[in-house]
Amino acid sequence: MFISSAYAQAAAGGDTQSTLLGMLPLVLMFVVLYFVMIRPQLKRQKEHKAMVSALAKGDEVVTAGGFLATVTKVGEIYLGVELGDGHEIKIQRTAVVQVLPKGTIKNV
C-alpha cells in the first residue's frame, strides 16, 4: 500500500574499450617502473657478478666495510686479502665493492 514494489535492474554490461582505457595507466606505470628501476638494477648486478668472478691474486680492491686491500688468495666463495703489513683476513667475494687500478694502495 504505502510502499511501492522494488524491482531489480539489469546490470549494465561493461564496455571493453572503457576497461582497456582504465587499465592503460597501470600498464604505463609498470613500463616506466621497469625502465627506470628494475632494468638498471639488473645491469648493475650483472656487472658486479662479472667483476667478482674476474678477481685474481694481486688485485687491489675496496671492501663493503671500506677497507683497501690486496687479494692474496682466491677461493670459490672466500678471498684472502691483506689489509696492511702482515694483516691478512678472509672475506666473501660478494663483499668486494670495487677493483682499484694497480698501485692505488701504495699512493694512499
N, C-alpha and C. Protein backbone atom coordinates (compact mmCIF):
# COMPACT_ATOMS: atom_id res chain seq x y z
N MET A 1 0.77 -1.17 0.00
CA MET A 1 0.00 0.00 0.00
C MET A 1 0.84 1.27 0.00
N PHE A 2 1.54 1.50 1.13
CA PHE A 2 2.34 2.72 1.19
C PHE A 2 3.71 2.56 0.54
N ILE A 3 4.15 1.34 0.45
CA ILE A 3 5.47 1.08 -0.10
C ILE A 3 5.30 0.46 -1.47
N SER A 4 5.95 1.07 -2.45
CA SER A 4 5.85 0.52 -3.79
C SER A 4 6.82 -0.64 -3.94
N SER A 5 6.57 -1.51 -4.86
CA SER A 5 7.41 -2.68 -5.08
C SER A 5 8.73 -2.26 -5.71
N ALA A 6 9.82 -2.91 -5.30
CA ALA A 6 11.14 -2.62 -5.85
C ALA A 6 11.51 -3.75 -6.80
N TYR A 7 11.93 -3.37 -7.97
CA TYR A 7 12.33 -4.35 -8.98
C TYR A 7 13.83 -4.21 -9.24
N ALA A 8 14.48 -5.35 -9.41
CA ALA A 8 15.92 -5.33 -9.69
C ALA A 8 16.15 -4.87 -11.12
N GLN A 9 17.17 -4.05 -11.27
CA GLN A 9 17.51 -3.59 -12.61
C GLN A 9 18.57 -4.52 -13.19
N ALA A 10 18.56 -4.63 -14.48
CA ALA A 10 19.56 -5.45 -15.15
C ALA A 10 20.91 -4.75 -15.04
N ALA A 11 21.97 -5.54 -14.79
CA ALA A 11 23.31 -4.97 -14.66
C ALA A 11 23.77 -4.43 -16.00
N ALA A 12 24.43 -3.26 -15.95
CA ALA A 12 24.93 -2.66 -17.18
C ALA A 12 26.15 -3.44 -17.64
N GLY A 13 26.17 -3.81 -18.89
CA GLY A 13 27.30 -4.56 -19.45
C GLY A 13 28.54 -3.69 -19.51
N GLY A 14 29.70 -4.25 -19.08
CA GLY A 14 30.95 -3.49 -19.10
C GLY A 14 31.42 -3.30 -20.53
N ASP A 15 31.77 -2.09 -20.84
CA ASP A 15 32.27 -1.78 -22.17
C ASP A 15 33.75 -2.16 -22.23
N THR A 16 34.15 -2.95 -23.21
CA THR A 16 35.53 -3.43 -23.34
C THR A 16 36.50 -2.27 -23.51
N GLN A 17 36.13 -1.30 -24.28
CA GLN A 17 37.01 -0.16 -24.53
C GLN A 17 37.28 0.62 -23.24
N SER A 18 36.26 0.84 -22.43
CA SER A 18 36.46 1.58 -21.18
C SER A 18 37.31 0.77 -20.19
N THR A 19 37.20 -0.56 -20.23
CA THR A 19 38.02 -1.40 -19.36
C THR A 19 39.49 -1.29 -19.75
N LEU A 20 39.78 -1.32 -21.06
CA LEU A 20 41.16 -1.19 -21.52
C LEU A 20 41.73 0.19 -21.20
N LEU A 21 40.94 1.21 -21.36
CA LEU A 21 41.39 2.57 -21.05
C LEU A 21 41.62 2.72 -19.54
N GLY A 22 40.87 2.02 -18.74
CA GLY A 22 41.05 2.06 -17.29
C GLY A 22 42.34 1.38 -16.86
N MET A 23 42.77 0.37 -17.60
CA MET A 23 43.99 -0.35 -17.26
C MET A 23 45.24 0.29 -17.87
N LEU A 24 45.07 1.17 -18.82
CA LEU A 24 46.20 1.80 -19.50
C LEU A 24 47.16 2.53 -18.56
N PRO A 25 46.69 3.33 -17.61
CA PRO A 25 47.64 3.99 -16.68
C PRO A 25 48.45 2.98 -15.85
N LEU A 26 47.83 1.90 -15.45
CA LEU A 26 48.53 0.87 -14.67
C LEU A 26 49.63 0.22 -15.50
N VAL A 27 49.33 -0.09 -16.74
CA VAL A 27 50.33 -0.69 -17.63
C VAL A 27 51.46 0.30 -17.90
N LEU A 28 51.14 1.54 -18.14
CA LEU A 28 52.16 2.57 -18.38
C LEU A 28 53.06 2.76 -17.16
N MET A 29 52.49 2.73 -15.96
CA MET A 29 53.29 2.87 -14.76
C MET A 29 54.26 1.69 -14.61
N PHE A 30 53.82 0.49 -14.93
CA PHE A 30 54.69 -0.68 -14.84
C PHE A 30 55.84 -0.58 -15.85
N VAL A 31 55.54 -0.13 -17.06
CA VAL A 31 56.59 0.01 -18.08
C VAL A 31 57.62 1.05 -17.64
N VAL A 32 57.17 2.17 -17.13
CA VAL A 32 58.10 3.20 -16.66
C VAL A 32 58.91 2.67 -15.48
N LEU A 33 58.29 1.97 -14.55
CA LEU A 33 58.98 1.39 -13.42
C LEU A 33 60.06 0.42 -13.87
N TYR A 34 59.77 -0.38 -14.88
CA TYR A 34 60.73 -1.34 -15.40
C TYR A 34 61.97 -0.63 -15.94
N PHE A 35 61.76 0.38 -16.78
CA PHE A 35 62.89 1.05 -17.40
C PHE A 35 63.64 1.98 -16.46
N VAL A 36 62.99 2.49 -15.43
CA VAL A 36 63.65 3.43 -14.52
C VAL A 36 64.32 2.71 -13.34
N MET A 37 63.72 1.62 -12.84
CA MET A 37 64.25 0.99 -11.63
C MET A 37 64.76 -0.43 -11.83
N ILE A 38 63.99 -1.27 -12.44
CA ILE A 38 64.33 -2.70 -12.50
C ILE A 38 65.48 -2.97 -13.46
N ARG A 39 65.42 -2.44 -14.64
CA ARG A 39 66.44 -2.71 -15.66
C ARG A 39 67.84 -2.22 -15.24
N PRO A 40 67.99 -0.99 -14.72
CA PRO A 40 69.32 -0.57 -14.28
C PRO A 40 69.87 -1.41 -13.12
N GLN A 41 68.99 -1.86 -12.22
CA GLN A 41 69.44 -2.69 -11.11
C GLN A 41 69.94 -4.04 -11.61
N LEU A 42 69.25 -4.63 -12.56
CA LEU A 42 69.71 -5.90 -13.14
C LEU A 42 71.05 -5.73 -13.84
N LYS A 43 71.23 -4.62 -14.52
CA LYS A 43 72.51 -4.34 -15.20
C LYS A 43 73.64 -4.20 -14.19
N ARG A 44 73.38 -3.49 -13.07
CA ARG A 44 74.37 -3.31 -12.03
C ARG A 44 74.75 -4.64 -11.39
N GLN A 45 73.77 -5.51 -11.16
CA GLN A 45 74.04 -6.83 -10.58
C GLN A 45 74.89 -7.67 -11.52
N LYS A 46 74.61 -7.60 -12.79
CA LYS A 46 75.37 -8.36 -13.78
C LYS A 46 76.82 -7.88 -13.83
N GLU A 47 77.04 -6.57 -13.80
CA GLU A 47 78.39 -6.02 -13.81
C GLU A 47 79.16 -6.41 -12.55
N HIS A 48 78.50 -6.39 -11.39
CA HIS A 48 79.15 -6.75 -10.13
C HIS A 48 79.54 -8.23 -10.14
N LYS A 49 78.66 -9.07 -10.64
CA LYS A 49 78.96 -10.50 -10.71
C LYS A 49 80.16 -10.77 -11.61
N ALA A 50 80.25 -10.07 -12.74
CA ALA A 50 81.39 -10.24 -13.64
C ALA A 50 82.67 -9.75 -12.99
N MET A 51 82.60 -8.63 -12.26
CA MET A 51 83.78 -8.10 -11.58
C MET A 51 84.27 -9.05 -10.50
N VAL A 52 83.36 -9.60 -9.72
CA VAL A 52 83.74 -10.51 -8.63
C VAL A 52 84.30 -11.81 -9.19
N SER A 53 83.76 -12.30 -10.27
CA SER A 53 84.26 -13.56 -10.84
C SER A 53 85.62 -13.38 -11.51
N ALA A 54 85.99 -12.15 -11.87
CA ALA A 54 87.27 -11.89 -12.54
C ALA A 54 88.39 -11.53 -11.57
N LEU A 55 88.13 -11.59 -10.26
CA LEU A 55 89.16 -11.24 -9.29
C LEU A 55 90.32 -12.22 -9.37
N ALA A 56 91.54 -11.69 -9.23
CA ALA A 56 92.73 -12.52 -9.28
C ALA A 56 93.70 -12.07 -8.19
N LYS A 57 94.68 -12.92 -7.92
CA LYS A 57 95.68 -12.60 -6.91
C LYS A 57 96.44 -11.34 -7.33
N GLY A 58 96.62 -10.43 -6.39
CA GLY A 58 97.33 -9.19 -6.66
C GLY A 58 96.42 -8.01 -6.97
N ASP A 59 95.14 -8.25 -7.17
CA ASP A 59 94.20 -7.14 -7.43
C ASP A 59 94.03 -6.31 -6.16
N GLU A 60 93.89 -5.03 -6.33
CA GLU A 60 93.62 -4.12 -5.22
C GLU A 60 92.13 -3.79 -5.23
N VAL A 61 91.49 -3.98 -4.07
CA VAL A 61 90.04 -3.87 -4.00
C VAL A 61 89.61 -2.98 -2.84
N VAL A 62 88.35 -2.54 -2.91
CA VAL A 62 87.69 -1.87 -1.80
C VAL A 62 86.60 -2.83 -1.33
N THR A 63 86.56 -3.08 0.00
CA THR A 63 85.55 -3.99 0.53
C THR A 63 84.30 -3.22 0.92
N ALA A 64 83.24 -3.95 1.26
CA ALA A 64 81.99 -3.33 1.66
C ALA A 64 82.16 -2.54 2.96
N GLY A 65 83.15 -2.90 3.77
CA GLY A 65 83.42 -2.18 5.00
C GLY A 65 84.27 -0.94 4.80
N GLY A 66 84.73 -0.72 3.57
CA GLY A 66 85.52 0.47 3.27
C GLY A 66 87.01 0.26 3.34
N PHE A 67 87.46 -0.98 3.55
CA PHE A 67 88.88 -1.26 3.63
C PHE A 67 89.50 -1.35 2.24
N LEU A 68 90.72 -0.82 2.12
CA LEU A 68 91.50 -1.01 0.90
C LEU A 68 92.37 -2.23 1.15
N ALA A 69 92.35 -3.20 0.25
CA ALA A 69 93.07 -4.45 0.48
C ALA A 69 93.62 -4.98 -0.82
N THR A 70 94.60 -5.87 -0.68
CA THR A 70 95.20 -6.55 -1.83
C THR A 70 94.83 -8.02 -1.75
N VAL A 71 94.34 -8.60 -2.83
CA VAL A 71 93.93 -10.00 -2.84
C VAL A 71 95.17 -10.88 -2.82
N THR A 72 95.22 -11.82 -1.84
CA THR A 72 96.36 -12.72 -1.73
C THR A 72 95.99 -14.16 -2.05
N LYS A 73 94.76 -14.54 -1.76
CA LYS A 73 94.29 -15.90 -2.04
C LYS A 73 92.90 -15.82 -2.67
N VAL A 74 92.67 -16.64 -3.66
CA VAL A 74 91.38 -16.65 -4.35
C VAL A 74 90.75 -18.01 -4.16
N GLY A 75 89.55 -18.04 -3.60
CA GLY A 75 88.81 -19.27 -3.41
C GLY A 75 87.47 -19.20 -4.12
N GLU A 76 86.70 -20.27 -3.98
CA GLU A 76 85.38 -20.34 -4.63
C GLU A 76 84.42 -19.31 -4.05
N ILE A 77 84.38 -19.22 -2.71
CA ILE A 77 83.45 -18.32 -2.03
C ILE A 77 84.18 -17.20 -1.31
N TYR A 78 85.35 -17.52 -0.77
CA TYR A 78 86.09 -16.55 0.05
C TYR A 78 87.37 -16.09 -0.63
N LEU A 79 87.81 -14.90 -0.24
CA LEU A 79 89.07 -14.34 -0.70
C LEU A 79 89.96 -14.08 0.51
N GLY A 80 91.25 -14.30 0.37
CA GLY A 80 92.19 -13.86 1.38
C GLY A 80 92.71 -12.51 0.94
N VAL A 81 92.59 -11.52 1.80
CA VAL A 81 93.06 -10.18 1.45
C VAL A 81 94.00 -9.67 2.53
N GLU A 82 94.97 -8.89 2.11
CA GLU A 82 95.93 -8.30 3.03
C GLU A 82 95.58 -6.83 3.21
N LEU A 83 95.31 -6.47 4.47
CA LEU A 83 94.94 -5.09 4.77
C LEU A 83 96.15 -4.20 4.97
N GLY A 84 97.21 -4.76 5.48
CA GLY A 84 98.42 -3.98 5.74
C GLY A 84 99.59 -4.92 5.86
N ASP A 85 100.60 -4.49 6.60
CA ASP A 85 101.80 -5.30 6.77
C ASP A 85 101.48 -6.56 7.58
N GLY A 86 101.24 -7.67 6.89
CA GLY A 86 101.02 -8.95 7.54
C GLY A 86 99.63 -9.15 8.13
N HIS A 87 98.72 -8.26 7.90
CA HIS A 87 97.35 -8.41 8.41
C HIS A 87 96.48 -8.99 7.31
N GLU A 88 96.30 -10.30 7.35
CA GLU A 88 95.52 -10.96 6.31
C GLU A 88 94.21 -11.47 6.90
N ILE A 89 93.13 -11.24 6.19
CA ILE A 89 91.82 -11.70 6.63
C ILE A 89 91.12 -12.40 5.47
N LYS A 90 90.04 -13.09 5.79
CA LYS A 90 89.22 -13.72 4.76
C LYS A 90 87.91 -12.96 4.66
N ILE A 91 87.47 -12.71 3.44
CA ILE A 91 86.18 -12.06 3.21
C ILE A 91 85.43 -12.83 2.14
N GLN A 92 84.14 -12.61 2.07
CA GLN A 92 83.35 -13.21 0.99
C GLN A 92 83.62 -12.44 -0.29
N ARG A 93 83.53 -13.15 -1.41
CA ARG A 93 83.73 -12.50 -2.71
C ARG A 93 82.74 -11.36 -2.92
N THR A 94 81.52 -11.55 -2.46
CA THR A 94 80.49 -10.53 -2.68
C THR A 94 80.72 -9.27 -1.88
N ALA A 95 81.65 -9.29 -0.91
CA ALA A 95 81.96 -8.11 -0.11
C ALA A 95 82.86 -7.13 -0.85
N VAL A 96 83.34 -7.52 -2.02
CA VAL A 96 84.18 -6.62 -2.82
C VAL A 96 83.26 -5.65 -3.56
N VAL A 97 83.50 -4.37 -3.36
CA VAL A 97 82.66 -3.35 -3.96
C VAL A 97 83.26 -2.82 -5.25
N GLN A 98 84.60 -2.69 -5.26
CA GLN A 98 85.25 -2.06 -6.41
C GLN A 98 86.67 -2.61 -6.54
N VAL A 99 87.12 -2.75 -7.78
CA VAL A 99 88.50 -3.12 -8.05
C VAL A 99 89.23 -1.83 -8.43
N LEU A 100 90.34 -1.59 -7.75
CA LEU A 100 91.10 -0.36 -7.97
C LEU A 100 92.21 -0.59 -8.99
N PRO A 101 92.70 0.47 -9.63
CA PRO A 101 93.85 0.33 -10.53
C PRO A 101 95.10 -0.06 -9.72
N LYS A 102 96.01 -0.76 -10.36
CA LYS A 102 97.24 -1.20 -9.69
C LYS A 102 98.02 0.00 -9.16
N GLY A 103 98.57 -0.14 -7.94
CA GLY A 103 99.37 0.91 -7.34
C GLY A 103 98.59 1.94 -6.56
N THR A 104 97.27 1.82 -6.48
CA THR A 104 96.45 2.79 -5.77
C THR A 104 96.72 2.76 -4.28
N ILE A 105 96.87 1.60 -3.71
CA ILE A 105 97.05 1.47 -2.27
C ILE A 105 98.40 2.06 -1.84
N LYS A 106 99.40 1.92 -2.64
CA LYS A 106 100.73 2.46 -2.31
C LYS A 106 100.70 3.98 -2.24
N ASN A 107 99.86 4.61 -3.06
CA ASN A 107 99.79 6.06 -3.12
C ASN A 107 98.97 6.66 -1.99
N VAL A 108 98.19 5.84 -1.31
CA VAL A 108 97.28 6.37 -0.27
C VAL A 108 98.00 6.55 1.03
